[in-house]
Amino acid sequence: MKKNKLNNIAGLTLIEILIGVVISTMMMAAMYTTYSVVNNSYSQVTDRAKISRSGRDIIGMLMRDIRLAGFKYYYGTNAVGIPKNDYLQYVGGDSSVKDSHDPIIIVKNDLGYQTDTDDTADIREDIINDDDMCCDKIHIVYGDFDQKDTEQPYKRYKITYFAMKSPNVGETHYGIYKTKESWIQPYGQDTGTWTADNTICAECYSAELIRDHLTDMEFNAFGKQGKIFDPPPDPSNPDTRNDLYNIKIVDVRLTFRSKKHFFRSEAPDDKPRIVKGLGDRTREFFDKYLRDSVVVTVHTRNIGAGS
């Protein structure tokens, strides 16, 4: 800084101004770099938390439904003429998985689920035939009761959790869908049928998206002393159908993917990012997305009374 001797006025030289600009620029660059690092770290933590939170929410829903599997309502002594025991037709034995009333049926590596009332058969069939199978499917059947419904006081519901591939071109993730069907058999009739038509069953619905960006969904059934059922019991398979009422535990694994890129670079060919399954089901990924799994063991409450 120089002073003018005549009028004693201080000022900055051009060099001093340039030095100040350079220092200010360096400080702003450092501040921006720090902000970017902190913001990226915060975004990563937030994305991880979102994946974990949404996974826990869906796990809670699955736990509640699995614990309902096999439940039956008994009205007991009454004076209004309603039968004490559930009169609804039971379809089991050598029936198909689609028609069965067995409490829990697990279908390994199978996408999609089409009900009799679906109007998206062509789209769903295209997805079902996709070669890139990833996910298991579970059917859960339980009973209920409504004394006010004089036409059909006893209720029976089937809940199905399944996966379908994203309809967006180029996307490799899936979505978890849920269908709720009801067994329609008015009192006095010997047979009935499953329906997801909400004009007949107000609480029913078909292929409702629960959560997007699914990577894998896995269900394993266990019997007494931790014996795993592999393959899982199937009503149409005479070798396994006897174990349908011996299921004590269901292990559930859901793996979700971040919506945006999480890592700065793709994984090298010799060091892929690994997502482990409940058994030997391990998959490798090389992209920039984060994947996180939620695993839970659910004890069945209303089935598993067999030997």
C-alpha atoms as a PDB file:
ATOM      1  CA  MET A   1       0.000   0.000   0.000  1.00  0.00           C
ATOM      2  CA  LYS A   2       1.329   3.433  -0.941  1.00  0.00           C
ATOM      3  CA  LYS A   3       0.484   6.903   0.327  1.00  0.00           C
ATOM      4  CA  ASN A   4       0.370  10.026  -1.760  1.00  0.00           C
ATOM      5  CA  LYS A   5       2.705  12.523  -0.033  1.00  0.00           C
ATOM      6  CA  LEU A   6       0.822  15.566  -1.275  1.00  0.00           C
ATOM      7  CA  ASN A   7      -2.642  14.846   0.068  1.00  0.00           C
ATOM      8  CA  ASN A   8      -1.858  11.829   2.352  1.00  0.00           C
ATOM      9  CA  ILE A   9      -4.320   9.447   0.521  1.00  0.00           C
ATOM     10  CA  ALA A  10      -3.691   5.668   0.853  1.00  0.00           C
ATOM     11  CA  GLY A  11      -4.410   3.148  -1.982  1.00  0.00           C
ATOM     12  CA  LEU A  12      -3.733  -0.367  -3.333  1.00  0.00           C
ATOM     13  CA  THR A  13      -1.483  -1.180  -6.179  1.00  0.00           C
ATOM     14  CA  LEU A  14      -2.594  -3.439  -9.037  1.00  0.00           C
ATOM     15  CA  ILE A  15      -0.293  -6.210  -7.813  1.00  0.00           C
ATOM     16  CA  GLU A  16      -1.857  -6.114  -4.348  1.00  0.00           C
ATOM     17  CA  ILE A  17      -5.352  -6.311  -5.838  1.00  0.00           C
ATOM     18  CA  LEU A  18      -4.372  -9.292  -7.991  1.00  0.00           C
ATOM     19  CA  ILE A  19      -2.872 -11.060  -4.963  1.00  0.00           C
ATOM     20  CA  GLY A  20      -6.101 -10.477  -3.036  1.00  0.00           C
ATOM     21  CA  VAL A  21      -8.176 -11.875  -5.893  1.00  0.00           C
ATOM     22  CA  VAL A  22      -5.970 -14.991  -6.085  1.00  0.00           C
ATOM     23  CA  ILE A  23      -6.196 -15.585  -2.331  1.00  0.00           C
ATOM     24  CA  SER A  24      -9.980 -15.104  -2.372  1.00  0.00           C
ATOM     25  CA  THR A  25     -10.304 -17.521  -5.281  1.00  0.00           C
ATOM     26  CA  MET A  26      -8.251 -20.144  -3.451  1.00  0.00           C
ATOM     27  CA  MET A  27     -10.375 -19.733  -0.330  1.00  0.00           C
ATOM     28  CA  MET A  28     -13.616 -20.062  -2.300  1.00  0.00           C
ATOM     29  CA  ALA A  29     -12.293 -23.151  -4.101  1.00  0.00           C
ATOM     30  CA  ALA A  30     -11.339 -24.732  -0.782  1.00  0.00           C
ATOM     31  CA  MET A  31     -14.758 -23.916   0.674  1.00  0.00           C
ATOM     32  CA  TYR A  32     -16.550 -25.362  -2.376  1.00  0.00           C
ATOM     33  CA  THR A  33     -14.428 -28.524  -2.257  1.00  0.00           C
ATOM     34  CA  THR A  34     -15.215 -28.959   1.427  1.00  0.00           C
ATOM     35  CA  TYR A  35     -18.918 -28.391   0.775  1.00  0.00           C
ATOM     36  CA  SER A  36     -18.933 -30.917  -2.074  1.00  0.00           C
ATOM     37  CA  VAL A  37     -17.259 -33.575   0.065  1.00  0.00           C
ATOM     38  CA  VAL A  38     -19.640 -33.011   2.973  1.00  0.00           C
ATOM     39  CA  ASN A  39     -22.687 -32.895   0.686  1.00  0.00           C
ATOM     40  CA  ASN A  40     -21.703 -36.117  -1.097  1.00  0.00           C
ATOM     41  CA  SER A  41     -21.106 -37.855   2.225  1.00  0.00           C
ATOM     42  CA  TYR A  42     -24.470 -36.643   3.503  1.00  0.00           C
ATOM     43  CA  SER A  43     -26.214 -37.828   0.323  1.00  0.00           C
ATOM     44  CA  GLN A  44     -24.616 -41.255   0.634  1.00  0.00           C
ATOM     45  CA  VAL A  45     -25.649 -41.593   4.279  1.00  0.00           C
ATOM     46  CA  THR A  46     -29.175 -40.416   3.403  1.00  0.00           C
ATOM     47  CA  ASP A  47     -29.476 -42.864   0.484  1.00  0.00           C
ATOM     48  CA  ARG A  48     -28.280 -45.739   2.671  1.00  0.00           C
ATOM     49  CA  ALA A  49     -30.741 -44.761   5.405  1.00  0.00           C
ATOM     50  CA  LYS A  50     -33.633 -44.568   2.906  1.00  0.00           C
ATOM     51  CA  ILE A  51     -32.861 -48.040   1.561  1.00  0.00           C
ATOM     52  CA  SER A  52     -32.665 -49.487   5.064  1.00  0.00           C
ATOM     53  CA  ARG A  53     -35.808 -47.710   6.285  1.00  0.00           C
ATOM     54  CA  SER A  54     -37.991 -48.717   3.333  1.00  0.00           C
ATOM     55  CA  GLY A  55     -36.701 -52.278   3.591  1.00  0.00           C
ATOM     56  CA  ARG A  56     -37.649 -52.450   7.281  1.00  0.00           C
ATOM     57  CA  ASP A  57     -41.133 -51.079   6.545  1.00  0.00           C
ATOM     58  CA  ILE A  58     -41.835 -53.802   3.978  1.00  0.00           C
ATOM     59  CA  ILE A  59     -40.296 -56.458   6.222  1.00  0.00           C
ATOM     60  CA  GLY A  60     -42.757 -55.403   8.935  1.00  0.00           C
ATOM     61  CA  MET A  61     -45.636 -55.852   6.481  1.00  0.00           C
ATOM     62  CA  LEU A  62     -44.369 -59.295   5.465  1.00  0.00           C
ATOM     63  CA  MET A  63     -43.932 -60.383   9.080  1.00  0.00           C
ATOM     64  CA  ARG A  64     -47.513 -59.464   9.930  1.00  0.00           C
ATOM     65  CA  ASP A  65     -48.932 -61.361   6.950  1.00  0.00           C
ATOM     66  CA  ILE A  66     -46.750 -64.462   7.428  1.00  0.00           C
ATOM     67  CA  ARG A  67     -47.823 -64.683  11.069  1.00  0.00           C
ATOM     68  CA  LEU A  68     -51.459 -64.641   9.899  1.00  0.00           C
ATOM     69  CA  ALA A  69     -50.908 -67.636   7.593  1.00  0.00           C
ATOM     70  CA  GLY A  70     -53.191 -70.525   8.507  1.00  0.00           C
ATOM     71  CA  PHE A  71     -55.361 -68.520  10.906  1.00  0.00           C
ATOM     72  CA  LYS A  72     -58.986 -69.683  11.184  1.00  0.00           C
ATOM     73  CA  TYR A  73     -61.857 -68.067  13.045  1.00  0.00           C
ATOM     74  CA  TYR A  74     -64.304 -70.052  15.188  1.00  0.00           C
ATOM     75  CA  TYR A  75     -67.477 -68.220  16.089  1.00  0.00           C
ATOM     76  CA  GLY A  76     -68.395 -70.473  19.015  1.00  0.00           C
ATOM     77  CA  THR A  77     -71.773 -70.586  20.735  1.00  0.00           C
ATOM     78  CA  ASN A  78     -74.264 -68.201  19.154  1.00  0.00           C
ATOM     79  CA  ALA A  79     -77.949 -67.643  18.685  1.00  0.00           C
ATOM     80  CA  VAL A  80     -77.986 -66.179  15.200  1.00  0.00           C
ATOM     81  CA  GLY A  81     -77.604 -69.378  13.198  1.00  0.00           C
ATOM     82  CA  ILE A  82     -73.995 -68.894  12.061  1.00  0.00           C
ATOM     83  CA  PRO A  83     -72.040 -72.178  12.012  1.00  0.00           C
ATOM     84  CA  LYS A  84     -69.459 -72.545  14.753  1.00  0.00           C
ATOM     85  CA  ASN A  85     -66.743 -73.698  12.363  1.00  0.00           C
ATOM     86  CA  ASP A  86     -65.529 -72.197   9.102  1.00  0.00           C
ATOM     87  CA  TYR A  87     -67.711 -73.776   6.393  1.00  0.00           C
ATOM     88  CA  LEU A  88     -65.693 -72.502   3.405  1.00  0.00           C
ATOM     89  CA  GLN A  89     -64.444 -75.081   0.920  1.00  0.00           C
ATOM     90  CA  TYR A  90     -60.823 -76.064   1.376  1.00  0.00           C
ATOM     91  CA  VAL A  91     -58.740 -76.698  -1.734  1.00  0.00           C
ATOM     92  CA  GLY A  92     -55.515 -78.563  -1.036  1.00  0.00           C
ATOM     93  CA  GLY A  93     -54.095 -81.995  -1.685  1.00  0.00           C
ATOM     94  CA  ASP A  94     -52.876 -82.182  -5.263  1.00  0.00           C
ATOM     95  CA  SER A  95     -54.259 -78.798  -6.303  1.00  0.00           C
ATOM     96  CA  SER A  96     -52.244 -76.254  -8.249  1.00  0.00           C
ATOM     97  CA  VAL A  97     -50.388 -73.459  -6.491  1.00  0.00           C
ATOM     98  CA  LYS A  98     -52.837 -70.954  -7.967  1.00  0.00           C
ATOM     99  CA  ASP A  99     -55.924 -72.717  -6.559  1.00  0.00           C
ATOM    100  CA  SER A 100     -54.470 -73.943  -3.282  1.00  0.00           C
ATOM    101  CA  HIS A 101     -55.660 -72.833   0.177  1.00  0.00           C
ATOM    102  CA  ASP A 102     -52.513 -74.033   1.942  1.00  0.00           C
ATOM    103  CA  PRO A 103     -51.206 -71.425   4.433  1.00  0.00           C
ATOM    104  CA  ILE A 104     -47.801 -70.679   2.881  1.00  0.00           C
ATOM    105  CA  ILE A 105     -46.498 -71.552  -0.565  1.00  0.00           C
ATOM    106  CA  ILE A 106     -43.094 -70.327  -1.717  1.00  0.00           C
ATOM    107  CA  VAL A 107     -42.212 -70.323  -5.405  1.00  0.00           C
ATOM    108  CA  LYS A 108     -38.508 -69.929  -6.111  1.00  0.00           C
ATOM    109  CA  ASN A 109     -37.161 -67.675  -8.879  1.00  0.00           C
ATOM    110  CA  ASP A 110     -40.472 -66.701 -10.415  1.00  0.00           C
ATOM    111  CA  LEU A 111     -41.596 -63.257 -11.535  1.00  0.00           C
ATOM    112  CA  GLY A 112     -45.133 -61.940 -11.848  1.00  0.00           C
ATOM    113  CA  TYR A 113     -48.536 -63.212 -10.748  1.00  0.00           C
ATOM    114  CA  GLN A 114     -51.694 -63.149 -12.827  1.00  0.00           C
ATOM    115  CA  THR A 115     -55.139 -63.424 -11.249  1.00  0.00           C
ATOM    116  CA  ASP A 116     -58.350 -64.382 -13.021  1.00  0.00           C
ATOM    117  CA  THR A 117     -59.441 -60.747 -12.975  1.00  0.00           C
ATOM    118  CA  ASP A 118     -56.208 -59.266 -14.343  1.00  0.00           C
ATOM    119  CA  ASP A 119     -56.629 -57.119 -17.446  1.00  0.00           C
ATOM    120  CA  THR A 120     -52.865 -56.785 -18.028  1.00  0.00           C
ATOM    121  CA  ALA A 121     -52.260 -60.364 -19.109  1.00  0.00           C
ATOM    122  CA  ASP A 122     -50.190 -59.527 -22.198  1.00  0.00           C
ATOM    123  CA  ILE A 123     -47.807 -57.208 -20.341  1.00  0.00           C
ATOM    124  CA  ARG A 124     -47.522 -59.536 -17.369  1.00  0.00           C
ATOM    125  CA  GLU A 125     -46.908 -62.580 -19.542  1.00  0.00           C
ATOM    126  CA  ASP A 126     -44.088 -60.758 -21.302  1.00  0.00           C
ATOM    127  CA  ILE A 127     -42.465 -60.010 -17.957  1.00  0.00           C
ATOM    128  CA  ILE A 128     -42.995 -63.530 -16.617  1.00  0.00           C
ATOM    129  CA  ASN A 129     -41.181 -65.017 -19.618  1.00  0.00           C
ATOM    130  CA  ASP A 130     -38.129 -62.836 -19.071  1.00  0.00           C
ATOM    131  CA  ASP A 131     -34.973 -64.940 -18.742  1.00  0.00           C
ATOM    132  CA  ASP A 132     -33.440 -62.734 -16.046  1.00  0.00           C
ATOM    133  CA  MET A 133     -35.160 -64.351 -13.067  1.00  0.00           C
ATOM    134  CA  CYS A 134     -34.196 -62.910  -9.711  1.00  0.00           C
ATOM    135  CA  CYS A 135     -36.864 -63.185  -7.095  1.00  0.00           C
ATOM    136  CA  ASP A 136     -38.982 -65.589  -5.085  1.00  0.00           C
ATOM    137  CA  LYS A 137     -42.748 -65.361  -4.654  1.00  0.00           C
ATOM    138  CA  ILE A 138     -44.851 -66.161  -1.576  1.00  0.00           C
ATOM    139  CA  HIS A 139     -48.585 -66.936  -1.228  1.00  0.00           C
ATOM    140  CA  ILE A 140     -50.145 -66.484   2.230  1.00  0.00           C
ATOM    141  CA  VAL A 141     -53.664 -67.711   3.074  1.00  0.00           C
ATOM    142  CA  TYR A 142     -55.569 -66.888   6.278  1.00  0.00           C
ATOM    143  CA  GLY A 143     -59.147 -66.661   7.513  1.00  0.00           C
ATOM    144  CA  ASP A 144     -61.292 -63.943   9.063  1.00  0.00           C
ATOM    145  CA  PHE A 145     -64.884 -63.367  10.160  1.00  0.00           C
ATOM    146  CA  ASP A 146     -67.576 -60.714   9.799  1.00  0.00           C
ATOM    147  CA  GLN A 147     -70.784 -61.402  11.707  1.00  0.00           C
ATOM    148  CA  LYS A 148     -72.549 -58.521   9.941  1.00  0.00           C
ATOM    149  CA  ASP A 149     -72.068 -60.159   6.539  1.00  0.00           C
ATOM    150  CA  THR A 150     -75.076 -62.495   6.475  1.00  0.00           C
ATOM    151  CA  GLU A 151     -74.262 -63.769   2.973  1.00  0.00           C
ATOM    152  CA  GLN A 152     -70.714 -64.887   3.793  1.00  0.00           C
ATOM    153  CA  PRO A 153     -69.705 -64.375   7.438  1.00  0.00           C
ATOM    154  CA  TYR A 154     -66.492 -66.419   7.179  1.00  0.00           C
ATOM    155  CA  LYS A 155     -63.744 -64.880   5.072  1.00  0.00           C
ATOM    156  CA  ARG A 156     -60.624 -66.300   3.501  1.00  0.00           C
ATOM    157  CA  TYR A 157     -57.863 -64.225   1.933  1.00  0.00           C
ATOM    158  CA  LYS A 158     -54.797 -64.937  -0.150  1.00  0.00           C
ATOM    159  CA  ILE A 159     -51.960 -62.416  -0.159  1.00  0.00           C
ATOM    160  CA  THR A 160     -49.227 -62.764  -2.766  1.00  0.00           C
ATOM    161  CA  TYR A 161     -45.916 -60.911  -2.752  1.00  0.00           C
ATOM    162  CA  PHE A 162     -44.075 -61.048  -6.069  1.00  0.00           C
ATOM    163  CA  ALA A 163     -41.606 -59.095  -8.196  1.00  0.00           C
ATOM    164  CA  MET A 164     -41.816 -57.702 -11.700  1.00  0.00           C
ATOM    165  CA  LYS A 165     -39.156 -56.021 -13.782  1.00  0.00           C
ATOM    166  CA  SER A 166     -39.292 -52.263 -14.245  1.00  0.00           C
ATOM    167  CA  PRO A 167     -41.183 -51.347 -17.437  1.00  0.00           C
ATOM    168  CA  ASN A 168     -38.637 -48.601 -18.202  1.00  0.00           C
ATOM    169  CA  VAL A 169     -36.309 -49.470 -21.070  1.00  0.00           C
ATOM    170  CA  GLY A 170     -32.734 -50.051 -19.925  1.00  0.00           C
ATOM    171  CA  GLU A 171     -33.612 -50.448 -16.230  1.00  0.00           C
ATOM    172  CA  THR A 172     -32.335 -53.590 -14.508  1.00  0.00           C
ATOM    173  CA  HIS A 173     -34.161 -53.333 -11.186  1.00  0.00           C
ATOM    174  CA  TYR A 174     -37.500 -54.774 -10.101  1.00  0.00           C
ATOM    175  CA  GLY A 175     -40.457 -53.713  -7.990  1.00  0.00           C
ATOM    176  CA  ILE A 176     -42.269 -55.531  -5.165  1.00  0.00           C
ATOM    177  CA  TYR A 177     -45.959 -55.992  -5.896  1.00  0.00           C
ATOM    178  CA  LYS A 178     -48.780 -57.251  -3.701  1.00  0.00           C
ATOM    179  CA  THR A 179     -52.103 -58.852  -4.620  1.00  0.00           C
ATOM    180  CA  LYS A 180     -54.940 -59.565  -2.182  1.00  0.00           C
ATOM    181  CA  GLU A 181     -57.636 -62.043  -3.202  1.00  0.00           C
ATOM    182  CA  SER A 182     -60.710 -63.303  -1.377  1.00  0.00           C
ATOM    183  CA  TRP A 183     -62.438 -66.680  -1.527  1.00  0.00           C
ATOM    184  CA  ILE A 184     -66.044 -66.001  -2.510  1.00  0.00           C
ATOM    185  CA  GLN A 185     -68.462 -68.684  -1.294  1.00  0.00           C
ATOM    186  CA  PRO A 186     -71.803 -67.490   0.123  1.00  0.00           C
ATOM    187  CA  TYR A 187     -73.318 -69.444   2.995  1.00  0.00           C
ATOM    188  CA  GLY A 188     -75.167 -72.505   1.693  1.00  0.00           C
ATOM    189  CA  GLN A 189     -72.922 -73.045  -1.342  1.00  0.00           C
ATOM    190  CA  ASP A 190     -70.430 -75.920  -1.526  1.00  0.00           C
ATOM    191  CA  THR A 191     -67.834 -74.333  -3.792  1.00  0.00           C
ATOM    192  CA  GLY A 192     -66.291 -70.937  -4.385  1.00  0.00           C
ATOM    193  CA  THR A 193     -63.543 -69.113  -6.247  1.00  0.00           C
ATOM    194  CA  TRP A 194     -60.683 -66.697  -5.643  1.00  0.00           C
ATOM    195  CA  THR A 195     -61.159 -63.131  -6.825  1.00  0.00           C
ATOM    196  CA  ALA A 196     -59.202 -59.884  -6.675  1.00  0.00           C
ATOM    197  CA  ASP A 197     -62.098 -57.873  -8.110  1.00  0.00           C
ATOM    198  CA  ASN A 198     -62.664 -54.928  -5.762  1.00  0.00           C
ATOM    199  CA  THR A 199     -66.270 -54.609  -6.923  1.00  0.00           C
ATOM    200  CA  ILE A 200     -66.903 -57.977  -5.257  1.00  0.00           C
ATOM    201  CA  CYS A 201     -64.334 -57.731  -2.474  1.00  0.00           C
ATOM    202  CA  ALA A 202     -63.908 -54.124  -1.345  1.00  0.00           C
ATOM    203  CA  GLU A 203     -60.559 -54.765   0.368  1.00  0.00           C
ATOM    204  CA  CYS A 204     -59.040 -56.720  -2.535  1.00  0.00           C
ATOM    205  CA  TYR A 205     -56.577 -55.416  -5.119  1.00  0.00           C
ATOM    206  CA  SER A 206     -54.291 -56.710  -7.839  1.00  0.00           C
ATOM    207  CA  ALA A 207     -50.586 -56.015  -8.537  1.00  0.00           C
ATOM    208  CA  GLU A 208     -50.218 -53.005  -6.256  1.00  0.00           C
ATOM    209  CA  LEU A 209     -46.678 -51.617  -6.310  1.00  0.00           C
ATOM    210  CA  ILE A 210     -45.241 -51.491  -2.788  1.00  0.00           C
ATOM    211  CA  ARG A 211     -41.618 -50.509  -3.380  1.00  0.00           C
ATOM    212  CA  ASP A 212     -39.457 -49.932  -6.421  1.00  0.00           C
ATOM    213  CA  HIS A 213     -35.724 -50.504  -7.015  1.00  0.00           C
ATOM    214  CA  LEU A 214     -35.694 -54.093  -5.761  1.00  0.00           C
ATOM    215  CA  THR A 215     -32.654 -56.225  -6.591  1.00  0.00           C
ATOM    216  CA  ASP A 216     -33.708 -59.531  -5.069  1.00  0.00           C
ATOM    217  CA  MET A 217     -36.375 -61.074  -2.807  1.00  0.00           C
ATOM    218  CA  GLU A 218     -35.791 -64.440  -1.164  1.00  0.00           C
ATOM    219  CA  PHE A 219     -37.909 -66.728   1.032  1.00  0.00           C
ATOM    220  CA  ASN A 220     -36.719 -69.928   2.736  1.00  0.00           C
ATOM    221  CA  ALA A 221     -39.026 -72.236   4.723  1.00  0.00           C
ATOM    222  CA  PHE A 222     -37.856 -74.325   7.681  1.00  0.00           C
ATOM    223  CA  GLY A 223     -39.407 -77.156   9.685  1.00  0.00           C
ATOM    224  CA  LYS A 224     -38.572 -78.694  13.038  1.00  0.00           C
ATOM    225  CA  GLN A 225     -34.985 -78.513  14.301  1.00  0.00           C
ATOM    226  CA  GLY A 226     -34.120 -75.969  11.633  1.00  0.00           C
ATOM    227  CA  LYS A 227     -34.581 -78.328   8.691  1.00  0.00           C
ATOM    228  CA  ILE A 228     -34.712 -76.311   5.487  1.00  0.00           C
ATOM    229  CA  PHE A 229     -37.241 -77.320   2.863  1.00  0.00           C
ATOM    230  CA  ASP A 230     -35.370 -77.396  -0.432  1.00  0.00           C
ATOM    231  CA  PRO A 231     -37.315 -77.300  -2.658  1.00  0.00           C
ATOM    232  CA  PRO A 232     -40.088 -75.631  -0.645  1.00  0.00           C
ATOM    233  CA  PRO A 233     -43.346 -77.597  -0.168  1.00  0.00           C
ATOM    234  CA  ASP A 234     -45.609 -77.518  -3.222  1.00  0.00           C
ATOM    235  CA  PRO A 235     -49.234 -78.782  -3.287  1.00  0.00           C
ATOM    236  CA  SER A 236     -48.804 -80.048  -6.836  1.00  0.00           C
ATOM    237  CA  ASN A 237     -45.663 -82.036  -5.946  1.00  0.00           C
ATOM    238  CA  PRO A 238     -46.410 -85.353  -4.186  1.00  0.00           C
ATOM    239  CA  ASP A 239     -42.843 -85.490  -2.825  1.00  0.00           C
ATOM    240  CA  THR A 240     -43.125 -82.216  -0.889  1.00  0.00           C
ATOM    241  CA  ARG A 241     -46.817 -81.434  -0.289  1.00  0.00           C
ATOM    242  CA  ASN A 242     -46.882 -83.267   3.073  1.00  0.00           C
ATOM    243  CA  ASP A 243     -44.614 -80.588   4.544  1.00  0.00           C
ATOM    244  CA  LEU A 244     -46.970 -77.681   3.789  1.00  0.00           C
ATOM    245  CA  TYR A 245     -48.243 -77.781   7.380  1.00  0.00           C
ATOM    246  CA  ASN A 246     -44.815 -78.415   8.906  1.00  0.00           C
ATOM    247  CA  ILE A 247     -43.452 -74.938   8.176  1.00  0.00           C
ATOM    248  CA  LYS A 248     -42.232 -73.406  11.440  1.00  0.00           C
ATOM    249  CA  ILE A 249     -40.066 -70.533  10.227  1.00  0.00           C
ATOM    250  CA  VAL A 250     -39.709 -68.389   7.128  1.00  0.00           C
ATOM    251  CA  ASP A 251     -36.481 -66.500   6.489  1.00  0.00           C
ATOM    252  CA  VAL A 252     -36.966 -63.366   4.404  1.00  0.00           C
ATOM    253  CA  ARG A 253     -34.335 -61.334   2.563  1.00  0.00           C
ATOM    254  CA  LEU A 254     -35.014 -58.142   0.617  1.00  0.00           C
ATOM    255  CA  THR A 255     -32.235 -56.381  -1.289  1.00  0.00           C
ATOM    256  CA  PHE A 256     -32.793 -52.861  -2.601  1.00  0.00           C
ATOM    257  CA  ARG A 257     -30.753 -50.622  -4.875  1.00  0.00           C
ATOM    258  CA  SER A 258     -30.138 -46.890  -4.560  1.00  0.00           C
ATOM    259  CA  LYS A 259     -32.067 -44.715  -6.998  1.00  0.00           C
ATOM    260  CA  LYS A 260     -28.977 -42.735  -8.034  1.00  0.00           C
ATOM    261  CA  HIS A 261     -25.340 -43.648  -8.490  1.00  0.00           C
ATOM    262  CA  PHE A 262     -23.692 -44.106  -5.101  1.00  0.00           C
ATOM    263  CA  PHE A 263     -20.086 -44.967  -5.942  1.00  0.00           C
ATOM    264  CA  ARG A 264     -17.826 -42.715  -8.009  1.00  0.00           C
ATOM    265  CA  SER A 265     -16.721 -45.466 -10.362  1.00  0.00           C
ATOM    266  CA  GLU A 266     -17.744 -48.912 -11.490  1.00  0.00           C
ATOM    267  CA  ALA A 267     -16.228 -51.934  -9.794  1.00  0.00           C
ATOM    268  CA  PRO A 268     -13.188 -53.498 -11.519  1.00  0.00           C
ATOM    269  CA  ASP A 269     -13.652 -56.804 -13.304  1.00  0.00           C
ATOM    270  CA  ASP A 270     -11.627 -58.705 -10.701  1.00  0.00           C
ATOM    271  CA  LYS A 271     -13.364 -57.117  -7.676  1.00  0.00           C
ATOM    272  CA  PRO A 272     -17.137 -57.015  -8.215  1.00  0.00           C
ATOM    273  CA  ARG A 273     -19.532 -55.769  -5.558  1.00  0.00           C
ATOM    274  CA  ILE A 274     -21.068 -58.832  -3.901  1.00  0.00           C
ATOM    275  CA  VAL A 275     -24.635 -59.261  -2.643  1.00  0.00           C
ATOM    276  CA  LYS A 276     -24.972 -62.445  -0.608  1.00  0.00           C
ATOM    277  CA  GLY A 277     -28.172 -64.458  -0.316  1.00  0.00           C
ATOM    278  CA  LEU A 278     -29.492 -66.636   2.493  1.00  0.00           C
ATOM    279  CA  GLY A 279     -27.741 -69.689   1.066  1.00  0.00           C
ATOM    280  CA  ASP A 280     -25.660 -70.033  -2.063  1.00  0.00           C
ATOM    281  CA  ARG A 281     -27.585 -67.285  -3.804  1.00  0.00           C
ATOM    282  CA  THR A 282     -24.829 -64.728  -4.403  1.00  0.00           C
ATOM    283  CA  ARG A 283     -24.792 -62.144  -7.174  1.00  0.00           C
ATOM    284  CA  GLU A 284     -22.071 -59.865  -8.516  1.00  0.00           C
ATOM    285  CA  PHE A 285     -22.522 -56.259  -9.662  1.00  0.00           C
ATOM    286  CA  PHE A 286     -20.153 -53.825 -11.350  1.00  0.00           C
ATOM    287  CA  ASP A 287     -22.251 -50.644 -11.644  1.00  0.00           C
ATOM    288  CA  LYS A 288     -22.219 -47.548  -9.393  1.00  0.00           C
ATOM    289  CA  TYR A 289     -25.375 -48.333  -7.400  1.00  0.00           C
ATOM    290  CA  LEU A 290     -25.449 -49.162  -3.696  1.00  0.00           C
ATOM    291  CA  ARG A 291     -27.298 -52.330  -2.667  1.00  0.00           C
ATOM    292  CA  ASP A 292     -28.353 -53.120   0.865  1.00  0.00           C
ATOM    293  CA  SER A 293     -30.145 -56.184   2.277  1.00  0.00           C
ATOM    294  CA  VAL A 294     -32.616 -56.586   5.129  1.00  0.00           C
ATOM    295  CA  VAL A 295     -32.928 -60.088   6.595  1.00  0.00           C
ATOM    296  CA  VAL A 296     -35.454 -61.324   9.164  1.00  0.00           C
ATOM    297  CA  THR A 297     -36.658 -64.642  10.576  1.00  0.00           C
ATOM    298  CA  VAL A 298     -40.443 -64.973  10.997  1.00  0.00           C
ATOM    299  CA  HIS A 299     -41.994 -67.657  13.207  1.00  0.00           C
ATOM    300  CA  THR A 300     -45.363 -68.918  11.989  1.00  0.00           C
ATOM    301  CA  ARG A 301     -48.089 -68.899  14.628  1.00  0.00           C
ATOM    302  CA  ASN A 302     -51.022 -70.742  13.111  1.00  0.00           C
ATOM    303  CA  ILE A 303     -49.363 -73.540  11.145  1.00  0.00           C
ATOM    304  CA  GLY A 304     -46.672 -76.076  11.792  1.00  0.00           C
ATOM    305  CA  ALA A 305     -48.692 -78.481  13.935  1.00  0.00           C
ATOM    306  CA  GLY A 306     -47.686 -81.541  11.902  1.00  0.00           C
ATOM    307  CA  SER A 307     -44.882 -83.946  12.627  1.00  0.00           C
END
